[in-house]
Protein backbone atom coordinates (compact mmCIF):
# COMPACT_ATOMS: atom_id res chain seq x y z
CA MET A 1 -43.76 16.34 27.14
CA SER A 2 -42.15 13.88 29.53
CA ASP A 3 -44.13 11.06 27.91
CA PHE A 4 -42.66 12.03 24.53
CA LEU A 5 -39.12 12.01 25.97
CA MET A 6 -39.71 8.60 27.54
CA VAL A 7 -40.89 7.22 24.20
CA ILE A 8 -37.73 8.55 22.55
CA TYR A 9 -35.56 7.20 25.34
CA ASP A 10 -37.19 3.77 25.08
CA SER A 11 -37.02 3.66 21.24
CA PRO A 12 -33.51 4.61 20.12
CA HIS A 13 -33.94 2.69 16.88
CA TRP A 14 -36.60 5.15 15.67
CA VAL A 15 -34.38 8.09 16.58
CA PHE A 16 -31.50 6.78 14.48
CA ILE A 17 -33.73 5.73 11.59
CA ALA A 18 -35.34 9.20 11.59
CA LEU A 19 -31.91 10.84 11.81
CA GLY A 20 -30.76 8.73 8.87
CA GLY A 21 -33.82 9.72 6.88
CA LEU A 22 -33.26 13.41 7.59
CA LEU A 23 -29.60 13.16 6.60
CA LEU A 24 -30.49 11.39 3.35
CA ILE A 25 -33.09 14.07 2.59
CA ALA A 26 -30.42 16.69 3.24
CA GLU A 27 -28.18 14.81 0.81
CA LEU A 28 -30.89 15.03 -1.86
CA LEU A 29 -30.90 18.78 -1.39
CA GLY A 30 -27.32 18.91 -2.59
CA THR A 31 -24.72 18.52 0.13
CA GLY A 32 -22.34 16.86 -2.31
CA GLY A 33 -21.97 13.54 -0.50
CA TYR A 34 -21.34 14.86 2.99
CA ALA A 35 -24.61 13.66 4.50
CA LEU A 36 -24.87 10.42 2.54
CA TRP A 37 -22.54 8.34 4.65
CA SER A 38 -23.81 9.73 7.94
CA GLY A 39 -27.37 8.99 6.85
CA ILE A 40 -26.55 5.43 5.88
CA ALA A 41 -24.63 4.95 9.14
CA ALA A 42 -27.60 6.27 11.17
CA ILE A 43 -30.01 3.87 9.47
CA VAL A 44 -27.62 0.94 10.06
CA VAL A 45 -27.32 1.90 13.74
CA GLY A 46 -31.10 2.19 13.92
CA LEU A 47 -31.48 -1.34 12.55
CA ILE A 48 -28.88 -2.64 15.00
CA ALA A 49 -30.69 -0.87 17.87
CA TRP A 50 -33.95 -2.49 16.74
CA ILE A 51 -32.38 -5.96 16.96
CA LEU A 52 -30.05 -5.51 19.95
CA PRO A 53 -30.91 -3.55 23.08
CA LEU A 54 -27.84 -1.30 23.32
CA SER A 55 -27.36 1.82 25.43
CA TRP A 56 -27.39 5.32 23.97
CA PRO A 57 -23.61 5.88 24.37
CA VAL A 58 -22.85 2.60 22.57
CA LEU A 59 -25.20 3.54 19.73
CA TRP A 60 -23.59 6.98 19.32
CA ILE A 61 -20.13 5.37 19.28
CA LEU A 62 -21.32 2.89 16.62
CA PHE A 63 -22.78 5.78 14.63
CA SER A 64 -19.45 7.62 14.80
CA ILE A 65 -17.43 4.57 13.82
CA PHE A 66 -19.73 3.68 10.91
CA THR A 67 -19.76 7.27 9.65
CA LEU A 68 -15.99 7.66 9.76
CA THR A 69 -15.32 4.23 8.30
CA SER A 70 -17.75 4.60 5.40
CA ALA A 71 -16.55 8.13 4.62
CA TYR A 72 -12.92 6.96 4.63
CA ILE A 73 -13.67 4.02 2.34
CA TRP A 74 -15.54 6.33 -0.05
CA TRP A 75 -12.62 8.79 0.02
CA VAL A 76 -10.21 5.98 -0.91
CA VAL A 77 -12.48 4.88 -3.77
CA LEU A 78 -12.79 8.44 -5.11
CA LYS A 79 -9.07 9.06 -4.79
CA LYS A 80 -8.30 5.89 -6.73
CA ARG A 81 -10.85 6.77 -9.42
CA ASP A 82 -9.56 10.35 -9.70
CA HIS A 83 -6.00 9.09 -9.91
CA ASN A 84 -6.92 6.76 -12.76
CA GLN A 85 -8.83 9.55 -14.53
CA SER A 86 -5.98 12.06 -14.17
CA ARG A 87 -3.47 9.57 -15.55
CA LYS A 88 -5.79 8.86 -18.43
CA ASN A 89 -6.79 12.43 -19.29
CA GLN A 90 -4.27 15.20 -19.20
CA ILE A 91 -5.98 18.46 -18.35
CA ASN A 92 -7.39 20.20 -21.44
CA GLN A 93 -5.66 17.70 -23.74
CA PRO A 94 -7.95 14.69 -24.06
CA GLN A 95 -6.71 14.01 -27.59
CA GLN A 96 -3.38 12.87 -26.09
CA GLU A 97 -5.15 9.55 -25.49
CA LEU A 98 -5.02 8.99 -29.26
CA ILE A 99 -1.23 8.64 -29.30
CA GLY A 100 -0.32 5.01 -29.90
CA ILE A 101 -3.65 4.03 -31.46
CA LYS A 102 -3.35 1.80 -34.50
CA THR A 103 -5.86 2.59 -37.22
CA VAL A 104 -6.34 2.67 -41.01
CA VAL A 105 -6.20 5.35 -43.67
CA THR A 106 -9.67 6.30 -44.99
CA ASP A 107 -8.64 9.02 -47.47
CA ALA A 108 -5.28 8.42 -49.10
CA ILE A 109 -2.43 10.45 -47.65
CA ILE A 110 -1.00 12.32 -50.62
CA ASN A 111 1.67 15.01 -50.31
CA GLY A 112 1.60 14.50 -46.54
CA SER A 113 -2.14 15.04 -45.99
CA GLY A 114 -5.13 12.66 -45.68
CA ARG A 115 -7.58 11.19 -43.19
CA VAL A 116 -7.63 8.24 -40.80
CA LYS A 117 -10.50 6.47 -38.99
CA ILE A 118 -10.67 6.50 -35.19
CA LYS A 119 -13.71 4.95 -33.52
CA ASP A 120 -16.78 6.32 -35.34
CA GLY A 121 -15.16 9.34 -36.97
CA THR A 122 -12.28 10.43 -39.14
CA TRP A 123 -9.40 12.75 -38.33
CA SER A 124 -7.06 14.78 -40.50
CA ALA A 125 -3.71 13.04 -40.70
CA ARG A 126 -0.21 13.94 -41.78
CA CYS A 127 2.58 11.60 -42.78
CA ASP A 128 5.93 12.07 -44.51
CA LYS A 129 5.08 9.21 -46.90
CA ASP A 130 2.19 8.77 -49.31
CA LEU A 131 -0.18 6.05 -48.05
CA ASP A 132 -3.05 4.24 -49.74
CA VAL A 133 -6.59 3.77 -48.42
CA GLY A 134 -6.76 0.86 -45.99
CA GLN A 135 -3.11 0.95 -45.01
CA SER A 136 -2.46 0.48 -41.29
CA VAL A 137 -0.91 3.38 -39.40
CA GLU A 138 -0.09 4.36 -35.82
CA VAL A 139 -0.67 7.79 -34.29
CA ILE A 140 2.69 9.15 -33.09
CA SER A 141 1.78 12.73 -32.13
CA ILE A 142 -0.91 15.37 -32.38
CA ASN A 143 -0.68 18.90 -33.73
CA GLY A 144 -3.93 20.72 -32.93
CA LEU A 145 -6.62 18.58 -34.56
CA THR A 146 -4.26 16.88 -37.00
CA LEU A 147 -2.78 13.50 -36.18
CA ASN A 148 0.78 12.72 -37.18
CA VAL A 149 0.95 9.06 -38.20
CA LYS A 150 3.54 6.56 -39.31
CA PRO A 151 2.89 3.48 -41.45
CA LEU A 152 2.92 0.10 -39.73
CA ASN A 153 5.24 -2.45 -41.32
CA HIS A 154 3.63 -5.85 -41.88
CA GLU A 155 6.75 -7.99 -42.14
């Protein structure tokens, strides 16, 4: 048993690489990102320990610093991404993104009702004016699944 402990004590790089591997395996089991950064930090510390002969306390401090730094950077990235997503998509109202889109009439708007093309589909549209097929319009509001549009003036 003491021989095993001496091997571990003399080979800190294998301890950190094994710890990193175990943390990454735990991440695969579904920890939701909590073990990912610690696992990567452990492997990095293991590689550093392989190259540089550092003491155990220094390696544990490096492991702590790398874990906290990488987790903080990932938190900042996720916060920025979530902020951009929340500004883009209002909760339960993704069709609000359509307001302001300029498009064309695909089925003539007669007596206030017709259809317009958006991306690869068509939407029901309402307008207070009759509009011909191919006329350019802009979405000004949404009522359920019907877009309220106004004609674009080409002057």
